[in-house]
Amino acid sequence: MKNSTLLFRSISVVILLAGSAHLASYASQSSNHTSGTDLEKNTISQFPEEKKQAIENEDRNNETSNASTNYYNEETDYIIGNWRVTYNSKEFRGAIVYTIKKEGNVFNAYTYQYEDESGNSERAKSTKTLVIKSFDGYKGKGIYTIEYKKQIYDIECAIDMVDENTFKLSYDYYGYSDVETWKRQ
């Protein structure tokens, strides 16, 4: 037998034995593991009836409060904050600063501040302008609310992140399309 064949077979046997040993140890650990809820149930059964009810009520309250709490998701929640959009149209020349907040499972953008060409700014009435229904950290979809000739339109839009400080919001509404660049304030 060649040396290379012998070496290959020896390495294969070692890998096979080591892999099966790891699998066996993993299987024994997972079968011996007791979940936290099992421990809590066992502990609750040792208390008098009044304490059991108090603990169970506390657990129910914790479950409902945890369901309504928004946890920070590093992949998507970096979009939260103030964003500035510069406009250069007949109706408005300047910039609008929006505040994006996470509310439940969606992100909502509210008008925060208006800035004119000269740099003068005025606090805006907080109006919901954008609802981001889906966002994976790179691309998203939502509803963008625009006002044109005193009419309000809800338009489907797409969000495309350029980098963590810039994203492009694009929409097309019956032939009127636009791409806005939102920059982190």
N, C-alpha and C. Protein backbone atom coordinates (compact mmCIF):
# COMPACT_ATOMS: atom_id res chain seq x y z
N MET A 1 0.85 -1.17 0.00
CA MET A 1 0.00 0.00 0.00
C MET A 1 0.89 1.23 0.00
N LYS A 2 0.47 2.24 -0.72
CA LYS A 2 1.23 3.48 -0.78
C LYS A 2 1.12 4.23 0.54
N ASN A 3 2.12 5.05 0.79
CA ASN A 3 2.12 5.85 2.02
C ASN A 3 0.96 6.85 2.04
N SER A 4 0.64 7.44 0.89
CA SER A 4 -0.44 8.43 0.86
C SER A 4 -1.79 7.78 1.14
N THR A 5 -2.01 6.58 0.64
CA THR A 5 -3.27 5.87 0.90
C THR A 5 -3.37 5.52 2.38
N LEU A 6 -2.29 5.04 2.94
CA LEU A 6 -2.26 4.70 4.36
C LEU A 6 -2.52 5.93 5.23
N LEU A 7 -1.91 7.05 4.88
CA LEU A 7 -2.11 8.30 5.61
C LEU A 7 -3.56 8.76 5.52
N PHE A 8 -4.13 8.70 4.31
CA PHE A 8 -5.52 9.11 4.12
C PHE A 8 -6.47 8.25 4.95
N ARG A 9 -6.27 6.95 4.94
CA ARG A 9 -7.15 6.05 5.71
C ARG A 9 -6.99 6.29 7.21
N SER A 10 -5.79 6.54 7.66
CA SER A 10 -5.56 6.80 9.09
C SER A 10 -6.26 8.08 9.53
N ILE A 11 -6.14 9.12 8.72
CA ILE A 11 -6.81 10.39 9.05
C ILE A 11 -8.32 10.22 9.04
N SER A 12 -8.84 9.45 8.09
CA SER A 12 -10.29 9.21 8.02
C SER A 12 -10.79 8.50 9.27
N VAL A 13 -10.05 7.51 9.74
CA VAL A 13 -10.45 6.78 10.95
C VAL A 13 -10.43 7.70 12.16
N VAL A 14 -9.40 8.54 12.28
CA VAL A 14 -9.30 9.46 13.41
C VAL A 14 -10.47 10.45 13.38
N ILE A 15 -10.78 10.99 12.21
CA ILE A 15 -11.90 11.95 12.09
C ILE A 15 -13.21 11.27 12.45
N LEU A 16 -13.41 10.05 11.96
CA LEU A 16 -14.63 9.31 12.25
C LEU A 16 -14.79 9.06 13.75
N LEU A 17 -13.72 8.62 14.41
CA LEU A 17 -13.78 8.36 15.85
C LEU A 17 -14.01 9.65 16.64
N ALA A 18 -13.32 10.71 16.28
CA ALA A 18 -13.48 11.99 17.00
C ALA A 18 -14.88 12.55 16.79
N GLY A 19 -15.40 12.45 15.58
CA GLY A 19 -16.74 12.95 15.30
C GLY A 19 -17.81 12.20 16.06
N SER A 20 -17.68 10.86 16.10
CA SER A 20 -18.68 10.08 16.83
C SER A 20 -18.60 10.35 18.33
N ALA A 21 -17.39 10.60 18.85
CA ALA A 21 -17.26 10.93 20.27
C ALA A 21 -17.94 12.26 20.58
N HIS A 22 -17.78 13.23 19.70
CA HIS A 22 -18.45 14.52 19.91
C HIS A 22 -19.96 14.39 19.83
N LEU A 23 -20.44 13.60 18.87
CA LEU A 23 -21.89 13.40 18.76
C LEU A 23 -22.44 12.73 20.01
N ALA A 24 -21.74 11.72 20.51
CA ALA A 24 -22.20 11.02 21.71
C ALA A 24 -22.24 11.95 22.91
N SER A 25 -21.22 12.79 23.07
CA SER A 25 -21.21 13.71 24.22
C SER A 25 -22.30 14.76 24.08
N TYR A 26 -22.56 15.23 22.86
CA TYR A 26 -23.62 16.22 22.65
C TYR A 26 -24.99 15.61 22.95
N ALA A 27 -25.21 14.38 22.51
CA ALA A 27 -26.49 13.71 22.75
C ALA A 27 -26.73 13.50 24.24
N SER A 28 -25.69 13.14 24.98
CA SER A 28 -25.88 12.91 26.41
C SER A 28 -26.13 14.22 27.15
N GLN A 29 -25.53 15.32 26.70
CA GLN A 29 -25.76 16.62 27.34
C GLN A 29 -27.17 17.11 27.09
N SER A 30 -27.68 16.96 25.86
CA SER A 30 -29.01 17.47 25.56
C SER A 30 -30.09 16.65 26.24
N SER A 31 -29.88 15.34 26.47
CA SER A 31 -30.90 14.55 27.15
C SER A 31 -30.91 14.81 28.65
N ASN A 32 -29.80 15.24 29.23
CA ASN A 32 -29.73 15.55 30.66
C ASN A 32 -30.16 16.97 30.97
N HIS A 33 -30.32 17.80 29.96
CA HIS A 33 -30.64 19.22 30.16
C HIS A 33 -32.09 19.39 30.58
N THR A 34 -32.32 20.17 31.62
CA THR A 34 -33.67 20.50 32.08
C THR A 34 -33.92 21.96 31.77
N SER A 35 -35.02 22.23 31.09
CA SER A 35 -35.28 23.62 30.73
C SER A 35 -35.67 24.43 31.96
N GLY A 36 -35.56 25.74 31.84
CA GLY A 36 -35.89 26.64 32.94
C GLY A 36 -37.35 26.53 33.33
N THR A 37 -38.24 26.28 32.38
CA THR A 37 -39.65 26.18 32.71
C THR A 37 -39.93 24.92 33.52
N ASP A 38 -39.22 23.82 33.22
CA ASP A 38 -39.40 22.60 34.01
C ASP A 38 -38.96 22.83 35.45
N LEU A 39 -37.84 23.53 35.64
CA LEU A 39 -37.37 23.82 36.99
C LEU A 39 -38.37 24.69 37.73
N GLU A 40 -38.93 25.69 37.03
CA GLU A 40 -39.89 26.58 37.68
C GLU A 40 -41.14 25.81 38.10
N LYS A 41 -41.62 24.90 37.24
CA LYS A 41 -42.81 24.13 37.58
C LYS A 41 -42.55 23.23 38.78
N ASN A 42 -41.36 22.61 38.82
CA ASN A 42 -41.02 21.76 39.95
C ASN A 42 -40.93 22.57 41.23
N THR A 43 -40.37 23.77 41.15
CA THR A 43 -40.23 24.63 42.33
C THR A 43 -41.59 25.14 42.78
N ILE A 44 -42.45 25.49 41.85
CA ILE A 44 -43.77 26.01 42.21
C ILE A 44 -44.57 24.96 42.97
N SER A 45 -44.43 23.69 42.61
CA SER A 45 -45.22 22.66 43.27
C SER A 45 -44.82 22.47 44.73
N GLN A 46 -43.70 23.02 45.17
CA GLN A 46 -43.27 22.89 46.55
C GLN A 46 -43.85 23.98 47.45
N PHE A 47 -44.46 25.03 46.90
CA PHE A 47 -44.98 26.16 47.67
C PHE A 47 -46.44 25.93 48.05
N PRO A 48 -46.90 26.62 49.09
CA PRO A 48 -48.33 26.58 49.41
C PRO A 48 -49.15 27.18 48.27
N GLU A 49 -50.45 26.92 48.27
CA GLU A 49 -51.34 27.30 47.18
C GLU A 49 -51.33 28.81 46.90
N GLU A 50 -51.30 29.65 47.92
CA GLU A 50 -51.33 31.11 47.72
C GLU A 50 -50.08 31.58 46.97
N LYS A 51 -48.93 31.06 47.35
CA LYS A 51 -47.69 31.47 46.70
C LYS A 51 -47.66 30.98 45.26
N LYS A 52 -48.22 29.80 45.00
CA LYS A 52 -48.27 29.29 43.63
C LYS A 52 -49.02 30.26 42.74
N GLN A 53 -50.19 30.70 43.21
CA GLN A 53 -51.00 31.61 42.40
C GLN A 53 -50.29 32.94 42.18
N ALA A 54 -49.63 33.45 43.21
CA ALA A 54 -48.91 34.72 43.07
C ALA A 54 -47.79 34.60 42.04
N ILE A 55 -47.06 33.50 42.09
CA ILE A 55 -45.95 33.30 41.14
C ILE A 55 -46.49 33.12 39.73
N GLU A 56 -47.56 32.35 39.57
CA GLU A 56 -48.14 32.14 38.24
C GLU A 56 -48.67 33.44 37.66
N ASN A 57 -49.32 34.28 38.49
CA ASN A 57 -49.80 35.58 38.02
C ASN A 57 -48.64 36.47 37.59
N GLU A 58 -47.56 36.44 38.35
CA GLU A 58 -46.37 37.24 38.01
C GLU A 58 -45.79 36.77 36.67
N ASP A 59 -45.76 35.45 36.46
CA ASP A 59 -45.26 34.92 35.19
C ASP A 59 -46.12 35.37 34.02
N ARG A 60 -47.46 35.37 34.19
CA ARG A 60 -48.35 35.82 33.13
C ARG A 60 -48.13 37.29 32.81
N ASN A 61 -47.95 38.12 33.85
CA ASN A 61 -47.69 39.55 33.64
C ASN A 61 -46.38 39.76 32.91
N ASN A 62 -45.35 39.00 33.26
CA ASN A 62 -44.06 39.12 32.59
C ASN A 62 -44.17 38.73 31.12
N GLU A 63 -44.95 37.67 30.82
CA GLU A 63 -45.10 37.24 29.43
C GLU A 63 -45.77 38.31 28.60
N THR A 64 -46.83 38.96 29.12
CA THR A 64 -47.51 39.99 28.34
C THR A 64 -46.65 41.23 28.19
N SER A 65 -45.89 41.59 29.21
CA SER A 65 -45.04 42.78 29.08
C SER A 65 -43.88 42.51 28.14
N ASN A 66 -43.35 41.28 28.12
CA ASN A 66 -42.28 40.95 27.19
C ASN A 66 -42.76 40.95 25.75
N ALA A 67 -44.01 40.56 25.52
CA ALA A 67 -44.53 40.55 24.17
C ALA A 67 -44.65 41.95 23.61
N SER A 68 -44.93 42.93 24.45
CA SER A 68 -45.11 44.29 23.95
C SER A 68 -43.81 45.09 23.92
N THR A 69 -42.74 44.54 24.47
CA THR A 69 -41.47 45.24 24.51
C THR A 69 -40.76 45.09 23.17
N ASN A 70 -40.21 46.19 22.67
CA ASN A 70 -39.43 46.13 21.44
C ASN A 70 -37.98 45.86 21.81
N TYR A 71 -37.44 44.78 21.31
CA TYR A 71 -36.04 44.48 21.53
C TYR A 71 -35.22 45.04 20.39
N TYR A 72 -34.01 45.48 20.68
CA TYR A 72 -33.14 46.06 19.67
C TYR A 72 -32.57 44.94 18.80
N ASN A 73 -32.76 45.07 17.50
CA ASN A 73 -32.23 44.13 16.53
C ASN A 73 -31.12 44.83 15.75
N GLU A 74 -29.88 44.41 15.94
CA GLU A 74 -28.74 45.09 15.33
C GLU A 74 -28.82 45.11 13.81
N GLU A 75 -29.44 44.10 13.21
CA GLU A 75 -29.48 44.00 11.75
C GLU A 75 -30.41 45.04 11.13
N THR A 76 -31.45 45.45 11.84
CA THR A 76 -32.43 46.35 11.23
C THR A 76 -32.62 47.66 11.98
N ASP A 77 -32.44 47.66 13.28
CA ASP A 77 -32.81 48.83 14.08
C ASP A 77 -31.84 49.99 13.99
N TYR A 78 -30.75 49.83 13.26
CA TYR A 78 -29.83 50.96 13.08
C TYR A 78 -30.47 52.06 12.25
N ILE A 79 -31.59 51.77 11.61
CA ILE A 79 -32.29 52.77 10.81
C ILE A 79 -33.01 53.79 11.69
N ILE A 80 -33.17 53.49 12.97
CA ILE A 80 -33.84 54.40 13.90
C ILE A 80 -32.99 55.65 14.08
N GLY A 81 -33.64 56.82 14.06
CA GLY A 81 -32.93 58.08 14.27
C GLY A 81 -33.43 59.17 13.35
N ASN A 82 -32.68 60.26 13.27
CA ASN A 82 -33.05 61.41 12.44
C ASN A 82 -32.39 61.30 11.07
N TRP A 83 -33.18 61.57 10.02
CA TRP A 83 -32.72 61.50 8.64
C TRP A 83 -33.10 62.79 7.92
N ARG A 84 -32.19 63.28 7.09
CA ARG A 84 -32.38 64.55 6.39
C ARG A 84 -32.53 64.28 4.90
N VAL A 85 -33.55 64.91 4.30
CA VAL A 85 -33.80 64.78 2.87
C VAL A 85 -33.81 66.18 2.27
N THR A 86 -33.00 66.40 1.25
CA THR A 86 -32.93 67.70 0.58
C THR A 86 -33.86 67.68 -0.63
N TYR A 87 -34.68 68.73 -0.76
CA TYR A 87 -35.60 68.86 -1.87
C TYR A 87 -35.25 70.11 -2.66
N ASN A 88 -35.44 70.04 -3.98
CA ASN A 88 -35.18 71.18 -4.84
C ASN A 88 -36.26 71.23 -5.92
N SER A 89 -37.47 71.61 -5.52
CA SER A 89 -38.58 71.68 -6.46
C SER A 89 -39.20 73.07 -6.43
N LYS A 90 -40.17 73.29 -7.30
CA LYS A 90 -40.85 74.60 -7.32
C LYS A 90 -41.60 74.85 -6.02
N GLU A 91 -42.18 73.79 -5.46
CA GLU A 91 -42.98 73.93 -4.25
C GLU A 91 -42.13 74.14 -3.00
N PHE A 92 -40.95 73.50 -2.97
CA PHE A 92 -40.14 73.57 -1.75
C PHE A 92 -38.67 73.41 -2.08
N ARG A 93 -37.89 74.36 -1.62
CA ARG A 93 -36.43 74.28 -1.73
C ARG A 93 -35.87 74.29 -0.32
N GLY A 94 -35.21 73.24 0.03
CA GLY A 94 -34.67 73.13 1.38
C GLY A 94 -34.57 71.67 1.78
N ALA A 95 -34.74 71.41 3.06
CA ALA A 95 -34.62 70.04 3.56
C ALA A 95 -35.68 69.79 4.62
N ILE A 96 -36.01 68.53 4.76
CA ILE A 96 -36.91 68.09 5.82
C ILE A 96 -36.16 67.02 6.62
N VAL A 97 -36.21 67.15 7.92
CA VAL A 97 -35.62 66.14 8.80
C VAL A 97 -36.76 65.27 9.32
N TYR A 98 -36.58 63.97 9.18
CA TYR A 98 -37.56 62.99 9.64
C TYR A 98 -36.96 62.21 10.80
N THR A 99 -37.83 61.77 11.71
CA THR A 99 -37.42 60.89 12.80
C THR A 99 -38.03 59.53 12.55
N ILE A 100 -37.18 58.51 12.46
CA ILE A 100 -37.67 57.14 12.28
C ILE A 100 -37.68 56.46 13.64
N LYS A 101 -38.85 55.89 13.96
CA LYS A 101 -39.04 55.18 15.23
C LYS A 101 -39.54 53.78 14.93
N LYS A 102 -39.22 52.85 15.83
CA LYS A 102 -39.75 51.50 15.72
C LYS A 102 -40.99 51.40 16.59
N GLU A 103 -42.08 51.01 15.98
CA GLU A 103 -43.34 50.86 16.70
C GLU A 103 -43.90 49.48 16.37
N GLY A 104 -43.76 48.58 17.30
CA GLY A 104 -44.16 47.20 17.04
C GLY A 104 -43.16 46.57 16.10
N ASN A 105 -43.66 46.01 15.01
CA ASN A 105 -42.79 45.37 14.03
C ASN A 105 -42.53 46.23 12.81
N VAL A 106 -42.96 47.48 12.83
CA VAL A 106 -42.75 48.38 11.69
C VAL A 106 -41.97 49.61 12.13
N PHE A 107 -41.38 50.26 11.15
CA PHE A 107 -40.68 51.52 11.39
C PHE A 107 -41.54 52.63 10.81
N ASN A 108 -41.72 53.70 11.57
CA ASN A 108 -42.49 54.85 11.12
C ASN A 108 -41.60 56.08 11.12
N ALA A 109 -41.72 56.89 10.06
CA ALA A 109 -40.96 58.14 9.97
C ALA A 109 -41.94 59.29 10.14
N TYR A 110 -41.58 60.22 11.01
CA TYR A 110 -42.39 61.40 11.29
C TYR A 110 -41.60 62.64 10.91
N THR A 111 -42.31 63.67 10.41
CA THR A 111 -41.63 64.94 10.13
C THR A 111 -41.16 65.52 11.45
N TYR A 112 -39.95 66.05 11.45
CA TYR A 112 -39.37 66.59 12.67
C TYR A 112 -39.06 68.08 12.52
N GLN A 113 -38.48 68.45 11.37
CA GLN A 113 -38.02 69.83 11.22
C GLN A 113 -37.95 70.19 9.74
N TYR A 114 -38.29 71.46 9.44
CA TYR A 114 -38.15 72.00 8.09
C TYR A 114 -36.96 72.95 8.06
N GLU A 115 -36.18 72.91 6.99
CA GLU A 115 -35.06 73.83 6.82
C GLU A 115 -35.18 74.48 5.44
N ASP A 116 -35.01 75.80 5.38
CA ASP A 116 -35.05 76.46 4.07
C ASP A 116 -33.65 76.55 3.47
N GLU A 117 -33.57 77.16 2.28
CA GLU A 117 -32.28 77.26 1.58
C GLU A 117 -31.23 78.02 2.39
N SER A 118 -31.67 78.98 3.18
CA SER A 118 -30.75 79.81 3.95
C SER A 118 -30.25 79.13 5.22
N GLY A 119 -30.82 77.99 5.55
CA GLY A 119 -30.41 77.29 6.76
C GLY A 119 -31.31 77.55 7.96
N ASN A 120 -32.34 78.39 7.77
CA ASN A 120 -33.30 78.63 8.85
C ASN A 120 -34.14 77.38 9.05
N SER A 121 -34.40 77.04 10.30
CA SER A 121 -35.17 75.83 10.56
C SER A 121 -36.37 76.13 11.44
N GLU A 122 -37.36 75.29 11.29
CA GLU A 122 -38.60 75.42 12.06
C GLU A 122 -39.06 74.01 12.43
N ARG A 123 -39.46 73.85 13.67
CA ARG A 123 -39.95 72.55 14.15
C ARG A 123 -41.24 72.21 13.41
N ALA A 124 -41.35 70.97 12.94
CA ALA A 124 -42.53 70.54 12.19
C ALA A 124 -43.53 69.85 13.10
N LYS A 125 -44.78 69.88 12.68
CA LYS A 125 -45.79 69.10 13.37
C LYS A 125 -45.49 67.64 13.05
N SER A 126 -45.42 66.81 14.05
CA SER A 126 -45.03 65.41 13.86
C SER A 126 -46.11 64.65 13.09
N THR A 127 -45.89 64.53 11.78
CA THR A 127 -46.83 63.86 10.90
C THR A 127 -46.20 62.58 10.38
N LYS A 128 -46.94 61.47 10.47
CA LYS A 128 -46.41 60.20 9.96
C LYS A 128 -46.33 60.29 8.45
N THR A 129 -45.11 60.11 7.92
CA THR A 129 -44.87 60.26 6.50
C THR A 129 -44.51 58.95 5.82
N LEU A 130 -43.88 58.07 6.56
CA LEU A 130 -43.40 56.82 5.97
C LEU A 130 -43.66 55.68 6.95
N VAL A 131 -44.20 54.59 6.42
CA VAL A 131 -44.37 53.36 7.20
C VAL A 131 -43.57 52.28 6.49
N ILE A 132 -42.53 51.80 7.15
CA ILE A 132 -41.69 50.74 6.57
C ILE A 132 -42.24 49.42 7.10
N LYS A 133 -42.93 48.69 6.24
CA LYS A 133 -43.58 47.45 6.66
C LYS A 133 -42.63 46.27 6.72
N SER A 134 -41.65 46.25 5.82
CA SER A 134 -40.66 45.17 5.85
C SER A 134 -39.29 45.77 5.60
N PHE A 135 -38.31 45.30 6.39
CA PHE A 135 -36.95 45.80 6.26
C PHE A 135 -36.01 44.74 6.79
N ASP A 136 -35.07 44.32 5.94
CA ASP A 136 -34.14 43.26 6.34
C ASP A 136 -32.74 43.78 6.66
N GLY A 137 -32.58 45.09 6.69
CA GLY A 137 -31.27 45.67 6.96
C GLY A 137 -30.61 46.20 5.70
N TYR A 138 -31.07 45.73 4.54
CA TYR A 138 -30.52 46.17 3.26
C TYR A 138 -31.60 46.77 2.36
N LYS A 139 -32.73 46.09 2.31
CA LYS A 139 -33.83 46.53 1.46
C LYS A 139 -35.12 46.49 2.26
N GLY A 140 -36.06 47.33 1.84
CA GLY A 140 -37.33 47.35 2.53
C GLY A 140 -38.44 47.83 1.62
N LYS A 141 -39.67 47.69 2.11
CA LYS A 141 -40.85 48.16 1.39
C LYS A 141 -41.76 48.84 2.39
N GLY A 142 -42.49 49.82 1.88
CA GLY A 142 -43.39 50.52 2.77
C GLY A 142 -44.38 51.39 2.03
N ILE A 143 -45.01 52.28 2.79
CA ILE A 143 -45.98 53.23 2.26
C ILE A 143 -45.47 54.63 2.57
N TYR A 144 -45.33 55.44 1.52
CA TYR A 144 -44.83 56.81 1.65
C TYR A 144 -46.00 57.75 1.40
N THR A 145 -46.22 58.67 2.32
CA THR A 145 -47.32 59.63 2.20
C THR A 145 -46.77 60.95 1.70
N ILE A 146 -47.30 61.40 0.55
CA ILE A 146 -46.88 62.70 0.02
C ILE A 146 -48.09 63.59 -0.18
N GLU A 147 -47.83 64.88 -0.16
CA GLU A 147 -48.88 65.86 -0.40
C GLU A 147 -48.53 66.59 -1.69
N TYR A 148 -49.50 66.62 -2.61
CA TYR A 148 -49.30 67.30 -3.88
C TYR A 148 -50.58 68.06 -4.21
N LYS A 149 -50.44 69.37 -4.37
CA LYS A 149 -51.58 70.26 -4.65
C LYS A 149 -52.70 70.04 -3.64
N LYS A 150 -52.32 70.02 -2.37
CA LYS A 150 -53.24 69.88 -1.23
C LYS A 150 -54.00 68.56 -1.22
N GLN A 151 -53.51 67.59 -1.95
CA GLN A 151 -54.06 66.24 -1.92
C GLN A 151 -53.02 65.33 -1.27
N ILE A 152 -53.46 64.38 -0.47
CA ILE A 152 -52.55 63.46 0.20
C ILE A 152 -52.64 62.10 -0.49
N TYR A 153 -51.48 61.54 -0.81
CA TYR A 153 -51.40 60.26 -1.50
C TYR A 153 -50.54 59.29 -0.69
N ASP A 154 -51.02 58.06 -0.54
CA ASP A 154 -50.25 56.98 0.07
C ASP A 154 -49.71 56.12 -1.08
N ILE A 155 -48.39 56.08 -1.19
CA ILE A 155 -47.74 55.45 -2.34
C ILE A 155 -46.82 54.34 -1.85
N GLU A 156 -46.86 53.20 -2.53
CA GLU A 156 -45.92 52.13 -2.20
C GLU A 156 -44.52 52.58 -2.58
N CYS A 157 -43.55 52.24 -1.73
CA CYS A 157 -42.17 52.66 -1.99
C CYS A 157 -41.22 51.52 -1.67
N ALA A 158 -40.00 51.69 -2.17
CA ALA A 158 -38.93 50.73 -1.90
C ALA A 158 -37.77 51.46 -1.24
N ILE A 159 -37.11 50.78 -0.33
CA ILE A 159 -35.97 51.35 0.38
C ILE A 159 -34.75 50.50 0.06
N ASP A 160 -33.67 51.17 -0.29
CA ASP A 160 -32.43 50.49 -0.63
C ASP A 160 -31.30 51.18 0.13
N MET A 161 -30.70 50.47 1.07
CA MET A 161 -29.61 51.04 1.87
C MET A 161 -28.35 51.17 1.01
N VAL A 162 -27.76 52.36 1.00
CA VAL A 162 -26.49 52.58 0.33
C VAL A 162 -25.37 52.23 1.30
N ASP A 163 -25.46 52.78 2.50
CA ASP A 163 -24.59 52.43 3.61
C ASP A 163 -25.39 52.70 4.87
N GLU A 164 -24.80 52.55 6.05
CA GLU A 164 -25.58 52.70 7.27
C GLU A 164 -26.01 54.14 7.54
N ASN A 165 -25.49 55.09 6.79
CA ASN A 165 -25.86 56.50 6.97
C ASN A 165 -26.63 57.07 5.79
N THR A 166 -26.94 56.27 4.78
CA THR A 166 -27.64 56.75 3.60
C THR A 166 -28.54 55.65 3.06
N PHE A 167 -29.77 56.02 2.68
CA PHE A 167 -30.60 55.09 1.93
C PHE A 167 -31.39 55.84 0.88
N LYS A 168 -31.78 55.09 -0.15
CA LYS A 168 -32.56 55.65 -1.25
C LYS A 168 -34.00 55.16 -1.10
N LEU A 169 -34.93 56.11 -1.16
CA LEU A 169 -36.35 55.79 -1.12
C LEU A 169 -36.89 56.07 -2.51
N SER A 170 -37.45 55.07 -3.16
CA SER A 170 -37.95 55.25 -4.52
C SER A 170 -39.42 54.87 -4.58
N TYR A 171 -40.13 55.59 -5.44
CA TYR A 171 -41.55 55.31 -5.62
C TYR A 171 -41.95 55.67 -7.04
N ASP A 172 -43.04 55.07 -7.48
CA ASP A 172 -43.59 55.32 -8.81
C ASP A 172 -45.11 55.33 -8.67
N TYR A 173 -45.71 56.45 -9.01
CA TYR A 173 -47.15 56.59 -8.85
C TYR A 173 -47.74 57.11 -10.15
N TYR A 174 -48.36 56.22 -10.91
CA TYR A 174 -48.98 56.55 -12.19
C TYR A 174 -48.06 57.39 -13.07
N GLY A 175 -46.85 56.91 -13.24
CA GLY A 175 -45.90 57.59 -14.12
C GLY A 175 -45.07 58.65 -13.45
N TYR A 176 -45.46 59.11 -12.26
CA TYR A 176 -44.64 60.09 -11.54
C TYR A 176 -43.74 59.30 -10.60
N SER A 177 -42.46 59.29 -10.93
CA SER A 177 -41.53 58.54 -10.09
C SER A 177 -40.45 59.47 -9.57
N ASP A 178 -39.87 59.07 -8.45
CA ASP A 178 -38.81 59.87 -7.85
C ASP A 178 -37.96 58.97 -6.97
N VAL A 179 -36.74 59.40 -6.76
CA VAL A 179 -35.83 58.72 -5.84
C VAL A 179 -35.30 59.79 -4.89
N GLU A 180 -35.53 59.59 -3.61
CA GLU A 180 -35.05 60.53 -2.59
C GLU A 180 -33.87 59.90 -1.86
N THR A 181 -32.90 60.73 -1.54
CA THR A 181 -31.74 60.27 -0.77
C THR A 181 -31.90 60.75 0.66
N TRP A 182 -31.98 59.81 1.58
CA TRP A 182 -32.12 60.11 3.00
C TRP A 182 -30.75 59.92 3.64
N LYS A 183 -30.27 60.96 4.32
CA LYS A 183 -28.96 60.91 4.98
C LYS A 183 -29.14 61.07 6.48
N ARG A 184 -28.39 60.27 7.22
CA ARG A 184 -28.48 60.33 8.68
C ARG A 184 -28.06 61.70 9.17
N GLN A 185 -28.85 62.27 10.05
CA GLN A 185 -28.59 63.60 10.62
C GLN A 185 -27.55 63.51 11.69
